[in-house]
PDB file of N, CA and C in Angstrom:
ATOM      1  N   UNK A   1     -13.782  14.994 -24.202  1.00  0.00           N
ATOM      2  CA  UNK A   1     -14.382  13.817 -23.610  1.00  0.00           C
ATOM      3  C   UNK A   1     -15.902  13.953 -23.529  1.00  0.00           C
ATOM      4  N   UNK A   2     -16.365  15.139 -23.161  1.00  0.00           N
ATOM      5  CA  UNK A   2     -17.800  15.345 -23.082  1.00  0.00           C
ATOM      6  C   UNK A   2     -18.456  15.160 -24.443  1.00  0.00           C
ATOM      7  N   UNK A   3     -17.796  15.625 -25.473  1.00  0.00           N
ATOM      8  CA  UNK A   3     -18.358  15.479 -26.809  1.00  0.00           C
ATOM      9  C   UNK A   3     -18.543  14.009 -27.169  1.00  0.00           C
ATOM     10  N   UNK A   4     -17.594  13.180 -26.789  1.00  0.00           N
ATOM     11  CA  UNK A   4     -17.699  11.746 -27.075  1.00  0.00           C
ATOM     12  C   UNK A   4     -18.873  11.141 -26.293  1.00  0.00           C
ATOM     13  N   UNK A   5     -19.026  11.530 -25.064  1.00  0.00           N
ATOM     14  CA  UNK A   5     -20.146  11.039 -24.253  1.00  0.00           C
ATOM     15  C   UNK A   5     -21.487  11.512 -24.804  1.00  0.00           C
ATOM     16  N   UNK A   6     -21.521  12.772 -25.221  1.00  0.00           N
ATOM     17  CA  UNK A   6     -22.754  13.317 -25.786  1.00  0.00           C
ATOM     18  C   UNK A   6     -23.089  12.591 -27.088  1.00  0.00           C
ATOM     19  N   UNK A   7     -22.081  12.386 -27.918  1.00  0.00           N
ATOM     20  CA  UNK A   7     -22.307  11.677 -29.186  1.00  0.00           C
ATOM     21  C   UNK A   7     -22.796  10.254 -28.937  1.00  0.00           C
ATOM     22  N   UNK A   8     -22.207   9.579 -27.943  1.00  0.00           N
ATOM     23  CA  UNK A   8     -22.622   8.215 -27.607  1.00  0.00           C
ATOM     24  C   UNK A   8     -24.077   8.203 -27.144  1.00  0.00           C
ATOM     25  N   UNK A   9     -24.439   9.177 -26.301  1.00  0.00           N
ATOM     26  CA  UNK A   9     -25.811   9.259 -25.800  1.00  0.00           C
ATOM     27  C   UNK A   9     -26.784   9.548 -26.940  1.00  0.00           C
ATOM     28  N   UNK A  10     -26.395  10.416 -27.858  1.00  0.00           N
ATOM     29  CA  UNK A  10     -27.280  10.744 -28.978  1.00  0.00           C
ATOM     30  C   UNK A  10     -27.456   9.548 -29.916  1.00  0.00           C
ATOM     31  N   UNK A  11     -26.408   8.787 -30.105  1.00  0.00           N
ATOM     32  CA  UNK A  11     -26.512   7.581 -30.932  1.00  0.00           C
ATOM     33  C   UNK A  11     -27.425   6.558 -30.273  1.00  0.00           C
ATOM     34  N   UNK A  12     -27.290   6.411 -28.961  1.00  0.00           N
ATOM     35  CA  UNK A  12     -28.155   5.473 -28.235  1.00  0.00           C
ATOM     36  C   UNK A  12     -29.608   5.921 -28.327  1.00  0.00           C
ATOM     37  N   UNK A  13     -29.843   7.227 -28.259  1.00  0.00           N
ATOM     38  CA  UNK A  13     -31.206   7.736 -28.364  1.00  0.00           C
ATOM     39  C   UNK A  13     -31.785   7.462 -29.753  1.00  0.00           C
ATOM     40  N   UNK A  14     -30.985   7.620 -30.786  1.00  0.00           N
ATOM     41  CA  UNK A  14     -31.455   7.338 -32.146  1.00  0.00           C
ATOM     42  C   UNK A  14     -31.918   5.891 -32.279  1.00  0.00           C
ATOM     43  N   UNK A  15     -31.152   4.965 -31.710  1.00  0.00           N
ATOM     44  CA  UNK A  15     -31.519   3.549 -31.753  1.00  0.00           C
ATOM     45  C   UNK A  15     -32.766   3.297 -30.900  1.00  0.00           C
ATOM     46  N   UNK A  16     -32.835   3.989 -29.775  1.00  0.00           N
ATOM     47  CA  UNK A  16     -33.956   3.819 -28.844  1.00  0.00           C
ATOM     48  C   UNK A  16     -35.280   4.219 -29.495  1.00  0.00           C
ATOM     49  N   UNK A  17     -35.313   5.387 -30.158  1.00  0.00           N
ATOM     50  CA  UNK A  17     -36.561   5.875 -30.733  1.00  0.00           C
ATOM     51  C   UNK A  17     -36.994   5.085 -31.959  1.00  0.00           C
ATOM     52  N   UNK A  18     -36.120   4.283 -32.520  1.00  0.00           N
ATOM     53  CA  UNK A  18     -36.494   3.441 -33.663  1.00  0.00           C
ATOM     54  C   UNK A  18     -37.364   2.270 -33.225  1.00  0.00           C
ATOM     55  N   UNK A  19     -37.217   1.856 -31.962  1.00  0.00           N
ATOM     56  CA  UNK A  19     -37.919   0.665 -31.475  1.00  0.00           C
ATOM     57  C   UNK A  19     -39.194   1.081 -30.736  1.00  0.00           C
ATOM     58  N   UNK A  20     -40.369   0.749 -31.318  1.00  0.00           N
ATOM     59  CA  UNK A  20     -41.623   1.136 -30.659  1.00  0.00           C
ATOM     60  C   UNK A  20     -41.792   0.505 -29.274  1.00  0.00           C
ATOM     61  N   UNK A  21     -41.227  -0.676 -29.049  1.00  0.00           N
ATOM     62  CA  UNK A  21     -41.323  -1.318 -27.737  1.00  0.00           C
ATOM     63  C   UNK A  21     -40.574  -0.518 -26.676  1.00  0.00           C
ATOM     64  N   UNK A  22     -39.430   0.040 -27.064  1.00  0.00           N
ATOM     65  CA  UNK A  22     -38.666   0.869 -26.126  1.00  0.00           C
ATOM     66  C   UNK A  22     -39.443   2.135 -25.772  1.00  0.00           C
ATOM     67  N   UNK A  23     -40.062   2.744 -26.773  1.00  0.00           N
ATOM     68  CA  UNK A  23     -40.834   3.956 -26.530  1.00  0.00           C
ATOM     69  C   UNK A  23     -42.014   3.642 -25.612  1.00  0.00           C
ATOM     70  N   UNK A  24     -42.713   2.545 -25.883  1.00  0.00           N
ATOM     71  CA  UNK A  24     -43.851   2.152 -25.042  1.00  0.00           C
ATOM     72  C   UNK A  24     -43.397   1.875 -23.620  1.00  0.00           C
ATOM     73  N   UNK A  25     -42.289   1.162 -23.456  1.00  0.00           N
ATOM     74  CA  UNK A  25     -41.772   0.857 -22.123  1.00  0.00           C
ATOM     75  C   UNK A  25     -41.400   2.141 -21.391  1.00  0.00           C
ATOM     76  N   UNK A  26     -40.784   3.065 -22.121  1.00  0.00           N
ATOM     77  CA  UNK A  26     -40.410   4.347 -21.516  1.00  0.00           C
ATOM     78  C   UNK A  26     -41.652   5.109 -21.054  1.00  0.00           C
ATOM     79  N   UNK A  27     -42.662   5.190 -21.909  1.00  0.00           N
ATOM     80  CA  UNK A  27     -43.891   5.906 -21.565  1.00  0.00           C
ATOM     81  C   UNK A  27     -44.606   5.252 -20.381  1.00  0.00           C
ATOM     82  N   UNK A  28     -44.617   3.932 -20.344  1.00  0.00           N
ATOM     83  CA  UNK A  28     -45.247   3.232 -19.223  1.00  0.00           C
ATOM     84  C   UNK A  28     -44.487   3.502 -17.924  1.00  0.00           C
ATOM     85  N   UNK A  29     -43.177   3.535 -18.013  1.00  0.00           N
ATOM     86  CA  UNK A  29     -42.379   3.817 -16.824  1.00  0.00           C
ATOM     87  C   UNK A  29     -42.633   5.250 -16.333  1.00  0.00           C
ATOM     88  N   UNK A  30     -42.724   6.197 -17.259  1.00  0.00           N
ATOM     89  CA  UNK A  30     -43.018   7.580 -16.882  1.00  0.00           C
ATOM     90  C   UNK A  30     -44.391   7.683 -16.222  1.00  0.00           C
ATOM     91  N   UNK A  31     -45.378   6.975 -16.756  1.00  0.00           N
ATOM     92  CA  UNK A  31     -46.715   6.961 -16.165  1.00  0.00           C
ATOM     93  C   UNK A  31     -46.655   6.363 -14.764  1.00  0.00           C
ATOM     94  N   UNK A  32     -45.900   5.273 -14.600  1.00  0.00           N
ATOM     95  CA  UNK A  32     -45.748   4.652 -13.284  1.00  0.00           C
ATOM     96  C   UNK A  32     -45.176   5.654 -12.282  1.00  0.00           C
ATOM     97  N   UNK A  33     -44.149   6.395 -12.685  1.00  0.00           N
ATOM     98  CA  UNK A  33     -43.526   7.369 -11.785  1.00  0.00           C
ATOM     99  C   UNK A  33     -44.492   8.503 -11.429  1.00  0.00           C
ATOM    100  N   UNK A  34     -45.271   8.983 -12.411  1.00  0.00           N
ATOM    101  CA  UNK A  34     -46.258  10.035 -12.125  1.00  0.00           C
ATOM    102  C   UNK A  34     -47.336   9.526 -11.175  1.00  0.00           C
ATOM    103  N   UNK A  35     -47.828   8.306 -11.427  1.00  0.00           N
ATOM    104  CA  UNK A  35     -48.868   7.721 -10.570  1.00  0.00           C
ATOM    105  C   UNK A  35     -48.353   7.506  -9.147  1.00  0.00           C
ATOM    106  N   UNK A  36     -47.111   7.046  -9.046  1.00  0.00           N
ATOM    107  CA  UNK A  36     -46.512   6.820  -7.732  1.00  0.00           C
ATOM    108  C   UNK A  36     -46.417   8.133  -6.955  1.00  0.00           C
ATOM    109  N   UNK A  37     -45.982   9.187  -7.632  1.00  0.00           N
ATOM    110  CA  UNK A  37     -45.869  10.501  -6.979  1.00  0.00           C
ATOM    111  C   UNK A  37     -47.243  11.019  -6.566  1.00  0.00           C
ATOM    112  N   UNK A  38     -48.239  10.827  -7.424  1.00  0.00           N
ATOM    113  CA  UNK A  38     -49.601  11.274  -7.102  1.00  0.00           C
ATOM    114  C   UNK A  38     -50.139  10.519  -5.887  1.00  0.00           C
ATOM    115  N   UNK A  39     -49.874   9.208  -5.813  1.00  0.00           N
ATOM    116  CA  UNK A  39     -50.312   8.423  -4.646  1.00  0.00           C
ATOM    117  C   UNK A  39     -49.636   8.917  -3.381  1.00  0.00           C
ATOM    118  N   UNK A  40     -48.348   9.153  -3.451  1.00  0.00           N
ATOM    119  CA  UNK A  40     -47.608   9.632  -2.278  1.00  0.00           C
ATOM    120  C   UNK A  40     -48.115  11.007  -1.825  1.00  0.00           C
ATOM    121  N   UNK A  41     -48.385  11.891  -2.783  1.00  0.00           N
ATOM    122  CA  UNK A  41     -48.918  13.213  -2.439  1.00  0.00           C
ATOM    123  C   UNK A  41     -50.286  13.089  -1.776  1.00  0.00           C
ATOM    124  N   UNK A  42     -51.137  12.210  -2.320  1.00  0.00           N
ATOM    125  CA  UNK A  42     -52.469  12.006  -1.764  1.00  0.00           C
ATOM    126  C   UNK A  42     -52.393  11.463  -0.343  1.00  0.00           C
ATOM    127  N   UNK A  43     -51.553  10.459  -0.141  1.00  0.00           N
ATOM    128  CA  UNK A  43     -51.412   9.858   1.190  1.00  0.00           C
ATOM    129  C   UNK A  43     -50.887  10.885   2.184  1.00  0.00           C
ATOM    130  N   UNK A  44     -49.932  11.702   1.747  1.00  0.00           N
ATOM    131  CA  UNK A  44     -49.380  12.728   2.637  1.00  0.00           C
ATOM    132  C   UNK A  44     -50.465  13.741   3.005  1.00  0.00           C
ATOM    133  N   UNK A  45     -51.238  14.231   2.011  1.00  0.00           N
ATOM    134  CA  UNK A  45     -52.310  15.196   2.302  1.00  0.00           C
ATOM    135  C   UNK A  45     -53.366  14.589   3.209  1.00  0.00           C
ATOM    136  N   UNK A  46     -53.764  13.353   2.921  1.00  0.00           N
ATOM    137  CA  UNK A  46     -54.781  12.694   3.743  1.00  0.00           C
ATOM    138  C   UNK A  46     -54.257  12.437   5.152  1.00  0.00           C
ATOM    139  N   UNK A  47     -52.993  12.079   5.252  1.00  0.00           N
ATOM    140  CA  UNK A  47     -52.391  11.842   6.562  1.00  0.00           C
ATOM    141  C   UNK A  47     -52.361  13.100   7.401  1.00  0.00           C
ATOM    142  N   UNK A  48     -52.025  14.216   6.772  1.00  0.00           N
ATOM    143  CA  UNK A  48     -51.999  15.489   7.495  1.00  0.00           C
ATOM    144  C   UNK A  48     -53.405  15.858   7.933  1.00  0.00           C
ATOM    145  N   UNK A  49     -54.372  15.703   7.021  1.00  0.00           N
ATOM    146  CA  UNK A  49     -55.761  16.031   7.355  1.00  0.00           C
ATOM    147  C   UNK A  49     -56.271  15.141   8.481  1.00  0.00           C
ATOM    148  N   UNK A  50     -56.014  13.845   8.380  1.00  0.00           N
ATOM    149  CA  UNK A  50     -56.478  12.915   9.401  1.00  0.00           C
ATOM    150  C   UNK A  50     -55.794  13.197  10.740  1.00  0.00           C
ATOM    151  N   UNK A  51     -54.501  13.460  10.706  1.00  0.00           N
ATOM    152  CA  UNK A  51     -53.770  13.770  11.934  1.00  0.00           C
ATOM    153  C   UNK A  51     -54.284  15.036  12.592  1.00  0.00           C
ATOM    154  N   UNK A  52     -54.610  16.027  11.788  1.00  0.00           N
ATOM    155  CA  UNK A  52     -55.154  17.275  12.338  1.00  0.00           C
ATOM    156  C   UNK A  52     -56.508  17.015  12.993  1.00  0.00           C
ATOM    157  N   UNK A  53     -57.364  16.222  12.322  1.00  0.00           N
ATOM    158  CA  UNK A  53     -58.678  15.908  12.894  1.00  0.00           C
ATOM    159  C   UNK A  53     -58.530  15.162  14.218  1.00  0.00           C
ATOM    160  N   UNK A  54     -57.626  14.196  14.258  1.00  0.00           N
ATOM    161  CA  UNK A  54     -57.412  13.435  15.492  1.00  0.00           C
ATOM    162  C   UNK A  54     -56.854  14.332  16.589  1.00  0.00           C
ATOM    163  N   UNK A  55     -55.941  15.226  16.223  1.00  0.00           N
ATOM    164  CA  UNK A  55     -55.373  16.154  17.200  1.00  0.00           C
ATOM    165  C   UNK A  55     -56.409  17.106  17.756  1.00  0.00           C
ATOM    166  N   UNK A  56     -57.279  17.609  16.878  1.00  0.00           N
ATOM    167  CA  UNK A  56     -58.347  18.496  17.344  1.00  0.00           C
ATOM    168  C   UNK A  56     -59.302  17.755  18.271  1.00  0.00           C
ATOM    169  N   UNK A  57     -59.641  16.507  17.891  1.00  0.00           N
ATOM    170  CA  UNK A  57     -60.556  15.715  18.726  1.00  0.00           C
ATOM    171  C   UNK A  57     -59.945  15.443  20.095  1.00  0.00           C
ATOM    172  N   UNK A  58     -58.634  15.233  20.145  1.00  0.00           N
ATOM    173  CA  UNK A  58     -57.964  14.954  21.411  1.00  0.00           C
ATOM    174  C   UNK A  58     -57.642  16.233  22.187  1.00  0.00           C
ATOM    175  N   UNK A  59     -57.858  17.381  21.550  1.00  0.00           N
ATOM    176  CA  UNK A  59     -57.601  18.652  22.225  1.00  0.00           C
ATOM    177  C   UNK A  59     -56.179  19.142  22.090  1.00  0.00           C
ATOM    178  N   UNK A  60     -55.364  18.493  21.245  1.00  0.00           N
ATOM    179  CA  UNK A  60     -53.970  18.913  21.087  1.00  0.00           C
ATOM    180  C   UNK A  60     -53.816  20.036  20.071  1.00  0.00           C
ATOM    181  N   UNK A  61     -54.695  20.074  19.090  1.00  0.00           N
ATOM    182  CA  UNK A  61     -54.588  21.052  18.012  1.00  0.00           C
ATOM    183  C   UNK A  61     -55.838  21.917  18.027  1.00  0.00           C
ATOM    184  N   UNK A  62     -55.642  23.195  17.904  1.00  0.00           N
ATOM    185  CA  UNK A  62     -56.778  24.113  17.871  1.00  0.00           C
ATOM    186  C   UNK A  62     -56.914  24.669  16.458  1.00  0.00           C
ATOM    187  N   UNK A  63     -58.143  24.982  16.104  1.00  0.00           N
ATOM    188  CA  UNK A  63     -58.385  25.659  14.841  1.00  0.00           C
ATOM    189  C   UNK A  63     -57.855  27.081  14.925  1.00  0.00           C
ATOM    190  N   UNK A  64     -57.767  27.742  13.796  1.00  0.00           N
ATOM    191  CA  UNK A  64     -57.221  29.089  13.756  1.00  0.00           C
ATOM    192  C   UNK A  64     -58.019  30.047  14.639  1.00  0.00           C
ATOM    193  N   UNK A  65     -59.356  29.994  14.561  1.00  0.00           N
ATOM    194  CA  UNK A  65     -60.200  30.896  15.348  1.00  0.00           C
ATOM    195  C   UNK A  65     -60.045  30.621  16.842  1.00  0.00           C
ATOM    196  N   UNK A  66     -59.992  29.339  17.209  1.00  0.00           N
ATOM    197  CA  UNK A  66     -59.836  28.997  18.627  1.00  0.00           C
ATOM    198  C   UNK A  66     -58.498  29.475  19.158  1.00  0.00           C
ATOM    199  N   UNK A  67     -57.454  29.267  18.377  1.00  0.00           N
ATOM    200  CA  UNK A  67     -56.117  29.698  18.794  1.00  0.00           C
ATOM    201  C   UNK A  67     -56.028  31.202  18.952  1.00  0.00           C
ATOM    202  N   UNK A  68     -56.661  31.931  18.023  1.00  0.00           N
ATOM    203  CA  UNK A  68     -56.651  33.391  18.099  1.00  0.00           C
ATOM    204  C   UNK A  68     -57.403  33.867  19.341  1.00  0.00           C
ATOM    205  N   UNK A  69     -58.568  33.277  19.599  1.00  0.00           N
ATOM    206  CA  UNK A  69     -59.368  33.670  20.768  1.00  0.00           C
ATOM    207  C   UNK A  69     -58.609  33.378  22.062  1.00  0.00           C
ATOM    208  N   UNK A  70     -57.933  32.231  22.116  1.00  0.00           N
ATOM    209  CA  UNK A  70     -57.175  31.872  23.314  1.00  0.00           C
ATOM    210  C   UNK A  70     -56.007  32.837  23.527  1.00  0.00           C
ATOM    211  N   UNK A  71     -55.318  33.189  22.453  1.00  0.00           N
ATOM    212  CA  UNK A  71     -54.196  34.120  22.560  1.00  0.00           C
ATOM    213  C   UNK A  71     -54.681  35.497  23.006  1.00  0.00           C
ATOM    214  N   UNK A  72     -55.825  35.924  22.458  1.00  0.00           N
ATOM    215  CA  UNK A  72     -56.391  37.212  22.853  1.00  0.00           C
ATOM    216  C   UNK A  72     -56.759  37.212  24.338  1.00  0.00           C
ATOM    217  N   UNK A  73     -57.323  36.107  24.789  1.00  0.00           N
ATOM    218  CA  UNK A  73     -57.714  35.996  26.201  1.00  0.00           C
ATOM    219  C   UNK A  73     -56.485  36.072  27.109  1.00  0.00           C
ATOM    220  N   UNK A  74     -55.426  35.377  26.733  1.00  0.00           N
ATOM    221  CA  UNK A  74     -54.181  35.423  27.516  1.00  0.00           C
ATOM    222  C   UNK A  74     -53.605  36.840  27.546  1.00  0.00           C
ATOM    223  N   UNK A  75     -53.709  37.523  26.421  1.00  0.00           N
ATOM    224  CA  UNK A  75     -53.218  38.898  26.334  1.00  0.00           C
ATOM    225  C   UNK A  75     -54.016  39.811  27.259  1.00  0.00           C
ATOM    226  N   UNK A  76     -55.333  39.676  27.220  1.00  0.00           N
ATOM    227  CA  UNK A  76     -56.194  40.496  28.089  1.00  0.00           C
ATOM    228  C   UNK A  76     -55.891  40.212  29.556  1.00  0.00           C
ATOM    229  N   UNK A  77     -55.715  38.945  29.905  1.00  0.00           N
ATOM    230  CA  UNK A  77     -55.382  38.589  31.291  1.00  0.00           C
ATOM    231  C   UNK A  77     -54.061  39.224  31.714  1.00  0.00           C
ATOM    232  N   UNK A  78     -53.082  39.217  30.815  1.00  0.00           N
ATOM    233  CA  UNK A  78     -51.787  39.801  31.166  1.00  0.00           C
ATOM    234  C   UNK A  78     -51.907  41.314  31.350  1.00  0.00           C
ATOM    235  N   UNK A  79     -52.768  41.962  30.565  1.00  0.00           N
ATOM    236  CA  UNK A  79     -52.972  43.408  30.732  1.00  0.00           C
ATOM    237  C   UNK A  79     -53.658  43.704  32.065  1.00  0.00           C
ATOM    238  N   UNK A  80     -54.634  42.894  32.434  1.00  0.00           N
ATOM    239  CA  UNK A  80     -55.310  43.051  33.729  1.00  0.00           C
ATOM    240  C   UNK A  80     -54.296  42.860  34.856  1.00  0.00           C
ATOM    241  N   UNK A  81     -53.450  41.828  34.723  1.00  0.00           N
ATOM    242  CA  UNK A  81     -52.449  41.539  35.759  1.00  0.00           C
ATOM    243  C   UNK A  81     -51.449  42.678  35.897  1.00  0.00           C
ATOM    244  N   UNK A  82     -51.212  43.405  34.803  1.00  0.00           N
ATOM    245  CA  UNK A  82     -50.264  44.517  34.881  1.00  0.00           C
ATOM    246  C   UNK A  82     -50.907  45.788  35.433  1.00  0.00           C
ATOM    247  N   UNK A  83     -52.220  45.725  35.712  1.00  0.00           N
ATOM    248  CA  UNK A  83     -52.887  46.859  36.335  1.00  0.00           C
ATOM    249  C   UNK A  83     -53.713  47.717  35.399  1.00  0.00           C
ATOM    250  N   UNK A  84     -53.826  47.336  34.159  1.00  0.00           N
ATOM    251  CA  UNK A  84     -54.608  48.124  33.216  1.00  0.00           C
ATOM    252  C   UNK A  84     -56.102  47.918  33.492  1.00  0.00           C
ATOM    253  N   UNK A  85     -56.880  48.955  33.355  1.00  0.00           N
ATOM    254  CA  UNK A  85     -58.320  48.856  33.613  1.00  0.00           C
ATOM    255  C   UNK A  85     -59.037  48.212  32.428  1.00  0.00           C
ATOM    256  N   UNK A  86     -60.204  47.661  32.720  1.00  0.00           N
ATOM    257  CA  UNK A  86     -61.008  47.022  31.678  1.00  0.00           C
ATOM    258  C   UNK A  86     -61.385  48.042  30.614  1.00  0.00           C
ATOM    259  N   UNK A  87     -61.693  49.254  31.024  1.00  0.00           N
ATOM    260  CA  UNK A  87     -62.074  50.309  30.089  1.00  0.00           C
ATOM    261  C   UNK A  87     -60.924  50.646  29.137  1.00  0.00           C
ATOM    262  N   UNK A  88     -59.718  50.737  29.705  1.00  0.00           N
ATOM    263  CA  UNK A  88     -58.553  51.068  28.879  1.00  0.00           C
ATOM    264  C   UNK A  88     -58.243  49.927  27.905  1.00  0.00           C
ATOM    265  N   UNK A  89     -58.347  48.685  28.363  1.00  0.00           N
ATOM    266  CA  UNK A  89     -58.129  47.520  27.484  1.00  0.00           C
ATOM    267  C   UNK A  89     -59.145  47.532  26.350  1.00  0.00           C
ATOM    268  N   UNK A  90     -60.414  47.780  26.691  1.00  0.00           N
ATOM    269  CA  UNK A  90     -61.469  47.800  25.669  1.00  0.00           C
ATOM    270  C   UNK A  90     -61.192  48.871  24.619  1.00  0.00           C
ATOM    271  N   UNK A  91     -60.760  50.039  25.060  1.00  0.00           N
ATOM    272  CA  UNK A  91     -60.505  51.118  24.095  1.00  0.00           C
ATOM    273  C   UNK A  91     -59.301  50.790  23.203  1.00  0.00           C
ATOM    274  N   UNK A  92     -58.270  50.185  23.776  1.00  0.00           N
ATOM    275  CA  UNK A  92     -57.081  49.856  22.982  1.00  0.00           C
ATOM    276  C   UNK A  92     -57.319  48.706  22.005  1.00  0.00           C
ATOM    277  N   UNK A  93     -58.209  47.795  22.369  1.00  0.00           N
ATOM    278  CA  UNK A  93     -58.506  46.652  21.496  1.00  0.00           C
ATOM    279  C   UNK A  93     -59.735  46.891  20.621  1.00  0.00           C
ATOM    280  N   UNK A  94     -60.299  48.104  20.706  1.00  0.00           N
ATOM    281  CA  UNK A  94     -61.508  48.445  19.943  1.00  0.00           C
ATOM    282  C   UNK A  94     -62.632  47.449  20.204  1.00  0.00           C
ATOM    283  N   UNK A  95     -62.830  47.139  21.475  1.00  0.00           N
ATOM    284  CA  UNK A  95     -63.887  46.228  21.893  1.00  0.00           C
ATOM    285  C   UNK A  95     -64.785  46.935  22.891  1.00  0.00           C
ATOM    286  N   UNK A  96     -65.955  46.372  23.068  1.00  0.00           N
ATOM    287  CA  UNK A  96     -66.901  46.891  24.042  1.00  0.00           C
ATOM    288  C   UNK A  96     -66.446  46.474  25.444  1.00  0.00           C
ATOM    289  N   UNK A  97     -66.639  47.343  26.426  1.00  0.00           N
ATOM    290  CA  UNK A  97     -66.258  47.062  27.811  1.00  0.00           C
ATOM    291  C   UNK A  97     -66.950  45.797  28.313  1.00  0.00           C
ATOM    292  N   UNK A  98     -68.226  45.654  27.988  1.00  0.00           N
ATOM    293  CA  UNK A  98     -68.968  44.462  28.421  1.00  0.00           C
ATOM    294  C   UNK A  98     -68.400  43.182  27.797  1.00  0.00           C
ATOM    295  N   UNK A  99     -67.936  43.296  26.570  1.00  0.00           N
ATOM    296  CA  UNK A  99     -67.332  42.127  25.912  1.00  0.00           C
ATOM    297  C   UNK A  99     -66.067  41.676  26.649  1.00  0.00           C
ATOM    298  N   UNK A 100     -65.246  42.637  27.059  1.00  0.00           N
ATOM    299  CA  UNK A 100     -64.028  42.320  27.818  1.00  0.00           C
ATOM    300  C   UNK A 100     -64.409  41.692  29.157  1.00  0.00           C
ATOM    301  N   UNK A 101     -65.390  42.278  29.820  1.00  0.00           N
ATOM    302  CA  UNK A 101     -65.819  41.714  31.123  1.00  0.00           C
ATOM    303  C   UNK A 101     -66.353  40.295  30.955  1.00  0.00           C
ATOM    304  N   UNK A 102     -67.122  40.051  29.903  1.00  0.00           N
ATOM    305  CA  UNK A 102     -67.646  38.700  29.651  1.00  0.00           C
ATOM    306  C   UNK A 102     -66.520  37.701  29.379  1.00  0.00           C
ATOM    307  N   UNK A 103     -65.503  38.148  28.651  1.00  0.00           N
ATOM    308  CA  UNK A 103     -64.359  37.266  28.395  1.00  0.00           C
ATOM    309  C   UNK A 103     -63.629  36.893  29.687  1.00  0.00           C
ATOM    310  N   UNK A 104     -63.566  37.843  30.598  1.00  0.00           N
ATOM    311  CA  UNK A 104     -62.854  37.601  31.848  1.00  0.00           C
ATOM    312  C   UNK A 104     -63.646  36.721  32.814  1.00  0.00           C
ATOM    313  N   UNK A 105     -64.959  36.652  32.641  1.00  0.00           N
ATOM    314  CA  UNK A 105     -65.809  35.829  33.532  1.00  0.00           C
ATOM    315  C   UNK A 105     -65.963  34.447  33.031  1.00  0.00           C
TER     316      UNK A 105
END
């Protein structure tokens, strides 16, 4: 059965490629599909970029550096709360003692 279907499809293709109008229509349709996908990809990328900018402006989204600094600050606070000294925190994080004190103030 598959052979009959394959043969039918191949015969239809032979007739299709004989007609230049069919080939042109096929190529135009393929171009339409590529253009449509490119537009959708562009809109999605722009939407993500715009949404991120709006989120950052509203304070909902932080940049990578801001998020890292905030996480580090929370970590240092938790170490202080657990009783660790500023000097010990500075040595473990390879930071200057004054830098840790400035972060805490």
